[in-house]
Protein backbone atom coordinates (compact mmCIF):
# COMPACT_ATOMS: atom_id res chain seq x y z
CA UNK A 1 64.86 171.59 145.80
CA UNK A 2 62.66 173.95 143.58
CA UNK A 3 61.20 172.72 140.28
CA UNK A 4 63.36 175.18 138.44
CA UNK A 5 66.56 173.64 139.85
CA UNK A 6 65.40 170.18 139.16
CA UNK A 7 64.85 170.99 135.51
CA UNK A 8 68.37 172.57 135.21
CA UNK A 9 70.07 169.46 136.75
CA UNK A 10 67.99 167.19 134.30
CA UNK A 11 69.23 169.34 131.34
CA UNK A 12 72.79 169.11 132.46
CA UNK A 13 72.71 165.24 132.95
CA UNK A 14 71.30 164.88 129.49
CA UNK A 15 74.19 167.02 128.02
CA UNK A 16 76.63 164.93 129.70
CA UNK A 17 75.18 161.74 128.31
CA UNK A 18 75.35 163.16 124.85
CA UNK A 19 78.95 163.63 124.88
CA UNK A 20 80.33 160.83 127.12
CA UNK A 21 82.03 158.06 125.51
CA UNK A 22 80.06 154.72 125.16
CA UNK A 23 81.51 152.19 127.58
CA UNK A 24 79.62 149.10 126.49
CA UNK A 25 81.29 146.47 124.41
CA UNK A 26 80.80 147.04 120.78
CA UNK A 27 79.64 143.94 118.63
CA UNK A 28 82.53 142.95 116.49
CA UNK A 29 82.60 140.18 113.85
CA UNK A 30 83.84 136.65 115.00
CA UNK A 31 87.51 136.22 114.01
CA UNK A 32 88.09 133.82 111.11
CA UNK A 33 89.88 130.65 112.38
CA UNK A 34 93.41 129.99 111.05
CA UNK A 35 92.76 126.21 110.58
CA UNK A 36 89.92 123.59 111.39
CA UNK A 37 91.23 120.45 113.19
CA UNK A 38 90.12 117.10 111.93
CA UNK A 39 90.45 114.27 109.45
CA UNK A 40 89.05 114.28 105.86
CA UNK A 41 86.58 111.48 105.63
CA UNK A 42 87.37 110.99 101.91
CA UNK A 43 91.09 110.81 102.47
CA UNK A 44 93.18 107.98 100.92
CA UNK A 45 94.65 106.72 97.60
CA UNK A 46 91.76 105.47 95.65
CA UNK A 47 92.82 107.26 92.49
CA UNK A 48 91.47 105.06 89.41
CA UNK A 49 94.41 106.07 87.16
CA UNK A 50 97.38 105.26 89.24
CA UNK A 51 100.56 104.23 87.35
CA UNK A 52 99.20 105.88 84.21
CA UNK A 53 101.04 108.89 82.74
CA UNK A 54 103.98 108.61 84.95
CA UNK A 55 107.34 110.56 84.55
CA UNK A 56 105.51 113.32 82.56
CA UNK A 57 104.53 110.83 79.80
CA UNK A 58 101.17 112.74 79.06
CA UNK A 59 99.04 110.22 77.28
CA UNK A 60 95.83 109.17 78.96
CA UNK A 61 93.39 111.73 80.06
CA UNK A 62 90.71 111.54 82.85
CA UNK A 63 87.03 112.88 82.72
CA UNK A 64 88.06 116.28 83.72
CA UNK A 65 90.34 116.86 80.84
CA UNK A 66 93.53 116.46 82.92
CA UNK A 67 96.37 114.13 82.17
CA UNK A 68 96.50 110.96 84.17
CA UNK A 69 99.13 110.92 86.85
CA UNK A 70 99.38 114.76 87.28
CA UNK A 71 98.69 116.42 90.57
CA UNK A 72 95.60 118.18 89.15
CA UNK A 73 94.02 114.86 87.84
CA UNK A 74 94.31 113.32 91.51
CA UNK A 75 92.82 116.57 92.94
CA UNK A 76 90.04 116.70 90.34
CA UNK A 77 89.29 113.14 91.37
CA UNK A 78 89.11 114.15 95.06
CA UNK A 79 86.87 117.37 94.24
CA UNK A 80 84.48 114.76 92.51
CA UNK A 81 84.38 112.71 95.69
CA UNK A 82 83.88 115.95 97.92
CA UNK A 83 80.83 116.99 95.76
CA UNK A 84 79.16 113.64 96.42
CA UNK A 85 80.41 111.40 93.60
CA UNK A 86 80.20 107.78 94.62
CA UNK A 87 81.70 105.92 91.52
CA UNK A 88 84.66 103.83 92.43
CA UNK A 89 86.86 101.53 90.66
CA UNK A 90 87.41 98.09 92.14
CA UNK A 91 90.93 98.29 93.73
CA UNK A 92 92.21 95.29 91.76
CA UNK A 93 91.26 96.72 88.58
CA UNK A 94 93.30 99.90 88.98
CA UNK A 95 94.43 101.49 86.73
CA UNK A 96 91.58 101.70 84.06
CA UNK A 97 92.24 104.33 81.40
CA UNK A 98 88.58 104.16 80.32
CA UNK A 99 87.07 104.55 83.73
CA UNK A 100 84.75 107.53 83.65
CA UNK A 101 81.87 108.15 86.23
CA UNK A 102 78.50 108.75 84.72
CA UNK A 103 78.23 111.82 87.04
CA UNK A 104 81.68 113.22 86.49
CA UNK A 105 80.31 116.59 85.52
CA UNK A 106 79.11 117.22 89.14
CA UNK A 107 82.86 118.41 89.50
CA UNK A 108 83.56 122.04 88.10
CA UNK A 109 87.19 121.20 87.31
CA UNK A 110 88.20 121.28 83.67
CA UNK A 111 91.78 120.91 82.56
CA UNK A 112 93.76 121.60 79.37
CA UNK A 113 94.82 118.25 78.17
CA UNK A 114 92.69 118.52 74.97
CA UNK A 115 91.65 121.63 73.40
CA UNK A 116 88.10 122.50 74.02
CA UNK A 117 85.69 125.56 73.95
CA UNK A 118 84.85 125.22 77.63
CA UNK A 119 86.63 127.48 80.00
CA UNK A 120 89.43 125.63 81.76
CA UNK A 121 91.23 125.75 85.07
CA UNK A 122 94.76 126.11 83.59
CA UNK A 123 97.76 124.69 85.26
CA UNK A 124 97.77 123.98 89.06
CA UNK A 125 99.03 127.39 89.63
CA UNK A 126 96.00 128.81 88.22
CA UNK A 127 93.53 126.97 90.41
CA UNK A 128 93.06 129.75 93.01
CA UNK A 129 92.02 132.23 90.44
CA UNK A 130 89.85 129.68 88.61
CA UNK A 131 88.07 128.57 91.67
CA UNK A 132 87.24 132.16 92.73
CA UNK A 133 85.88 132.76 89.35
CA UNK A 134 83.72 129.69 89.68
CA UNK A 135 82.27 130.99 93.07
CA UNK A 136 84.30 128.93 95.40
CA UNK A 137 86.13 130.20 98.46
CA UNK A 138 89.96 130.57 98.47
CA UNK A 139 91.64 131.55 101.60
CA UNK A 140 94.28 130.83 104.28
CA UNK A 141 92.12 128.59 106.25
CA UNK A 142 93.38 125.04 106.22
CA UNK A 143 90.51 122.54 106.69
CA UNK A 144 90.34 118.74 106.25
CA UNK A 145 89.24 118.02 102.64
CA UNK A 146 90.24 121.23 101.20
CA UNK A 147 92.65 121.72 98.35
CA UNK A 148 96.13 122.82 99.05
CA UNK A 149 97.23 125.15 96.21
CA UNK A 150 100.69 126.41 95.42
CA UNK A 151 101.20 128.99 92.78
CA UNK A 152 104.45 129.36 90.92
CA UNK A 153 105.70 132.55 92.63
CA UNK A 154 108.53 131.64 94.91
CA UNK A 155 107.61 128.06 95.31
CA UNK A 156 110.09 126.32 92.98
CA UNK A 157 107.02 124.86 91.16
CA UNK A 158 106.92 126.37 87.57
CA UNK A 159 103.29 125.27 87.06
CA UNK A 160 102.29 125.29 90.64
CA UNK A 161 100.90 122.30 92.55
CA UNK A 162 97.65 121.10 94.26
CA UNK A 163 96.98 118.35 96.68
CA UNK A 164 94.40 117.11 99.16
CA UNK A 165 94.35 118.10 102.78
CA UNK A 166 93.79 114.84 104.69
CA UNK A 167 94.40 116.23 108.21
CA UNK A 168 94.79 119.43 110.14
CA UNK A 169 96.38 118.94 113.54
CA UNK A 170 95.95 121.00 116.73
CA UNK A 171 99.23 122.78 116.29
CA UNK A 172 98.21 123.88 112.84
CA UNK A 173 100.35 121.66 110.75
CA UNK A 174 98.69 119.68 107.98
CA UNK A 175 98.99 116.53 106.01
CA UNK A 176 98.52 116.65 102.25
CA UNK A 177 98.23 113.83 99.69
CA UNK A 178 98.94 114.25 96.08
CA UNK A 179 100.39 112.77 92.98
CA UNK A 180 103.46 113.97 91.04
CA UNK A 181 105.00 115.97 93.79
CA UNK A 182 108.43 114.92 92.50
CA UNK A 183 107.49 114.79 88.81
CA UNK A 184 107.18 111.06 88.61
CA UNK A 185 103.42 110.58 88.59
CA UNK A 186 103.54 108.81 91.91
CA UNK A 187 101.57 109.16 95.08
CA UNK A 188 103.08 110.64 98.26
CA UNK A 189 101.80 112.39 101.52
CA UNK A 190 103.44 115.01 103.38
CA UNK A 191 103.13 116.47 106.75
CA UNK A 192 104.02 120.15 106.70
CA UNK A 193 104.15 123.18 108.98
CA UNK A 194 104.33 126.83 108.08
CA UNK A 195 108.08 126.68 107.69
CA UNK A 196 107.69 124.20 104.84
CA UNK A 197 109.27 120.77 104.48
CA UNK A 198 112.33 119.28 102.88
CA UNK A 199 111.10 116.49 100.90
CA UNK A 200 113.45 113.57 100.00
CA UNK A 201 111.01 111.12 98.98
CA UNK A 202 111.83 108.49 96.28
CA UNK A 203 115.55 108.82 97.31
CA UNK A 204 115.54 111.97 95.18
CA UNK A 205 117.58 115.06 96.10
CA UNK A 206 116.07 117.29 98.65
CA UNK A 207 113.20 119.58 97.52
CA UNK A 208 111.90 122.26 99.85
CA UNK A 209 108.11 122.43 99.85
CA UNK A 210 106.77 125.75 101.07
CA UNK A 211 103.58 126.25 102.94
CA UNK A 212 100.59 126.32 100.53
CA UNK A 213 99.68 129.69 98.81
CA UNK A 214 96.15 129.03 99.81
CA UNK A 215 93.42 126.65 100.30
CA UNK A 216 90.51 126.12 97.87
CA UNK A 217 87.12 125.06 99.49
CA UNK A 218 85.14 122.76 97.23
CA UNK A 219 82.66 120.50 99.28
CA UNK A 220 85.17 120.10 102.09
CA UNK A 221 82.54 119.52 104.80
CA UNK A 222 82.92 115.80 105.40
CA UNK A 223 85.21 115.97 108.45
CA UNK A 224 85.97 113.33 111.27
CA UNK A 225 87.33 114.80 114.43
CA UNK A 226 88.95 111.42 115.32
CA UNK A 227 92.13 111.45 113.13
CA UNK A 228 95.17 109.16 112.82
CA UNK A 229 98.39 110.07 114.56
CA UNK A 230 100.79 112.73 113.00
CA UNK A 231 102.73 110.83 110.32
CA UNK A 232 106.30 109.72 110.87
CA UNK A 233 108.37 110.11 108.79
CA UNK A 234 106.96 113.27 107.55
CA UNK A 235 106.91 112.07 103.88
CA UNK A 236 105.43 108.75 102.98
CA UNK A 237 105.10 107.05 99.67
CA UNK A 238 104.19 103.57 98.30
CA UNK A 239 103.67 101.47 95.24
CA UNK A 240 100.08 101.42 93.86
CA UNK A 241 97.89 98.53 94.72
CA UNK A 242 99.10 95.20 93.32
CA UNK A 243 102.39 96.69 92.21
CA UNK A 244 105.58 95.12 93.82
CA UNK A 245 109.18 95.79 93.54
CA UNK A 246 112.18 96.95 95.46
CA UNK A 247 112.12 99.43 98.22
CA UNK A 248 108.65 98.91 99.68
CA UNK A 249 107.93 95.77 101.87
CA UNK A 250 107.59 92.13 100.75
CA UNK A 251 107.10 90.59 97.36
CA UNK A 252 110.41 91.04 96.05
CA UNK A 253 113.63 89.06 96.37
CA UNK A 254 117.09 88.77 94.54
CA UNK A 255 118.99 85.64 94.06
CA UNK A 256 122.20 84.37 92.64
CA UNK A 257 125.96 85.00 92.89
CA UNK A 258 127.40 87.29 95.59
CA UNK A 259 129.75 89.49 93.67
CA UNK A 260 131.66 92.07 95.79
CA UNK A 261 129.59 95.24 96.56
CA UNK A 262 126.47 93.70 95.22
CA UNK A 263 123.15 91.96 96.36
CA UNK A 264 123.41 88.65 94.63
CA UNK A 265 125.00 90.28 91.77
CA UNK A 266 122.61 93.12 91.62
CA UNK A 267 123.31 96.93 92.21
CA UNK A 268 121.15 99.76 93.32
CA UNK A 269 120.64 103.01 91.36
CA UNK A 270 119.35 105.56 93.94
CA UNK A 271 116.43 107.62 92.51
CA UNK A 272 115.73 105.51 89.55
CA UNK A 273 112.59 103.39 88.93
CA UNK A 274 109.14 103.68 90.45
CA UNK A 275 110.19 104.28 94.02
CA UNK A 276 113.78 105.29 93.51
CA UNK A 277 115.26 101.92 94.43
CA UNK A 278 115.64 100.15 91.06
CA UNK A 279 118.12 97.17 90.72
CA UNK A 280 120.37 96.44 87.82
CA UNK A 281 123.05 94.25 86.66
CA UNK A 282 125.25 93.37 83.68
CA UNK A 283 123.89 90.80 81.18
CA UNK A 284 125.87 87.92 79.88
CA UNK A 285 125.25 84.94 77.52
CA UNK A 286 124.64 81.36 79.02
CA UNK A 287 122.95 80.37 82.06
CA UNK A 288 121.60 82.80 84.56
CA UNK A 289 123.93 83.99 87.43
CA UNK A 290 121.38 86.47 89.16
CA UNK A 291 117.66 86.62 89.51
CA UNK A 292 114.91 88.86 90.60
CA UNK A 293 111.58 87.43 91.68
CA UNK A 294 108.30 89.16 92.49
CA UNK A 295 105.69 87.06 94.50
CA UNK A 296 102.42 88.88 94.70
CA UNK A 297 99.45 87.98 96.83
CA UNK A 298 96.37 88.00 94.54
CA UNK A 299 92.89 86.55 94.15
CA UNK A 300 93.07 82.80 93.64
CA UNK A 301 92.18 81.77 90.20
CA UNK A 302 91.61 85.39 88.79
CA UNK A 303 93.28 86.58 85.68
CA UNK A 304 95.75 89.54 85.58
CA UNK A 305 97.48 91.70 83.12
CA UNK A 306 101.18 91.73 84.10
CA UNK A 307 103.48 94.45 82.97
CA UNK A 308 107.14 95.23 84.04
CA UNK A 309 108.34 98.76 84.62
CA UNK A 310 111.36 99.54 82.62
CA UNK A 311 113.43 102.58 84.15
CA UNK A 312 115.26 105.02 81.66
CA UNK A 313 118.74 104.03 82.53
CA UNK A 314 120.85 100.91 82.89
CA UNK A 315 118.25 98.98 80.93
CA UNK A 316 119.21 98.15 77.41
CA UNK A 317 118.58 94.32 77.13
CA UNK A 318 116.96 93.68 73.85
CA UNK A 319 115.52 90.36 75.20
CA UNK A 320 115.02 90.71 78.89
CA UNK A 321 113.73 87.27 79.97
CA UNK A 322 110.90 86.93 82.28
CA UNK A 323 109.16 83.82 83.43
CA UNK A 324 105.63 84.31 84.52
CA UNK A 325 104.17 81.14 86.33
CA UNK A 326 106.26 78.89 84.02
CA UNK A 327 105.58 80.90 80.89
CA UNK A 328 108.50 82.86 79.33
CA UNK A 329 108.10 86.49 78.06
CA UNK A 330 110.89 88.77 76.50
CA UNK A 331 110.98 92.50 76.76
CA UNK A 332 112.97 94.86 74.45
CA UNK A 333 114.09 97.24 77.22
CA UNK A 334 115.23 99.74 74.50
CA UNK A 335 111.56 100.21 73.45
CA UNK A 336 110.59 101.58 76.85
CA UNK A 337 111.86 104.36 79.07
CA UNK A 338 110.23 104.86 82.39
CA UNK A 339 107.24 102.92 80.93
CA UNK A 340 105.46 99.68 81.56
CA UNK A 341 106.10 96.77 79.23
CA UNK A 342 103.31 94.28 78.95
CA UNK A 343 104.24 90.58 79.65
CA UNK A 344 100.79 89.09 79.02
CA UNK A 345 97.56 88.04 80.73
CA UNK A 346 97.87 85.14 83.18
CA UNK A 347 95.75 83.21 85.62
CA UNK A 348 96.71 83.30 89.50
CA UNK A 349 97.18 79.86 91.21
CA UNK A 350 94.69 78.54 93.67
CA UNK A 351 96.75 80.12 96.50
CA UNK A 352 96.59 83.63 94.77
CA UNK A 353 100.27 83.20 93.66
CA UNK A 354 101.59 84.37 90.26
CA UNK A 355 105.38 84.69 90.58
CA UNK A 356 107.44 86.44 88.17
CA UNK A 357 111.13 85.95 87.73
CA UNK A 358 113.78 87.95 85.62
CA UNK A 359 117.25 86.75 84.89
CA UNK A 360 120.46 88.40 83.81
CA UNK A 361 120.79 86.59 80.53
CA UNK A 362 121.40 88.52 77.53
CA UNK A 363 124.19 89.87 75.44
CA UNK A 364 127.63 90.44 76.69
CA UNK A 365 128.43 93.84 78.36
CA UNK A 366 124.82 95.05 78.50
CA UNK A 367 122.39 95.91 81.37
CA UNK A 368 119.04 94.71 82.59
CA UNK A 369 116.89 96.47 85.15
CA UNK A 370 114.76 94.99 87.89
CA UNK A 371 112.06 97.27 89.21
CA UNK A 372 108.29 97.03 89.59
CA UNK A 373 105.84 94.55 88.45
CA UNK A 374 102.14 95.48 88.10
CA UNK A 375 99.15 93.08 88.29
CA UNK A 376 95.85 94.49 87.06
CA UNK A 377 92.75 92.05 87.34
CA UNK A 378 90.99 91.16 84.15
CA UNK A 379 87.63 89.82 83.36
CA UNK A 380 89.14 86.71 81.47
CA UNK A 381 92.36 85.30 80.57
């Protein structure tokens, strides 16, 4: 082969390489995962304002200028925990309206309970926009410890909703804990997939909860891979700590006359009261025919502020008669509506008992309601 021919062949090969398509794999960005499987290390109902502000009674506010009992108040608390806040209220002392962590300001959340000049996060529906403006990621990636966020468009939630993602499962479903899902200021936990969930908690009519609009990521890095089983049933709810009443385990019993269609003379109003299982009966003069008794398990010898929850219906006894460990206390039920009526401060017995009994005594043709009793530990009696 002549040198001239070799030069021509080399020139031709170079030209072909210049126009030939590149066959090597091009570098592409890694696909963003749709979800991160795991369990949030800070999951759990340790909310220090449980049972305050229930049933949209906006009274007490938290350190983040949110009304106690609202979804954004509970979620602001979980954000505080996510960002390293370690202050906790002793469980037996919940609720404490005055509890305020010294480092509450580590959380960026700021609500609208009281007018201030500080930029606020608006309603729950506004959290996505507010979080982005504050420099936090908001996307479609479900991650344990992130904030599930619903806006108001097509969700059936006029002011939106927020909750705390406790778990993300291998099938992409998630568990979310929140307060006020059913506008009653109560805690509940849902297990939801992308088709949404029909929520029948608190014995209320079905409410369809859609998949969250998005997920807000504020300090959601504390993840445990070992997680509890998938919840069954898909919606769980319970009384707050040291709250006892119908519809949730022990510590509550009825007694008295067995009228047809009743339970010892008491009837159930489905959907009423703290857990949607309130009892009621007719009042009458004279000796008691029917009683309701609460038997808590408390710290021996400790002092507790005791309060009775008065539902907003079938409760008009002007002198509902409670006996607390041998001491009588009366409540004008007409002065309360879905609210707590104080009975006094009492000392638990040496075995931790502090029984409370309500009778059906009162005026003729009235009503008295038996629902939840709350015991909050005090420093002294």
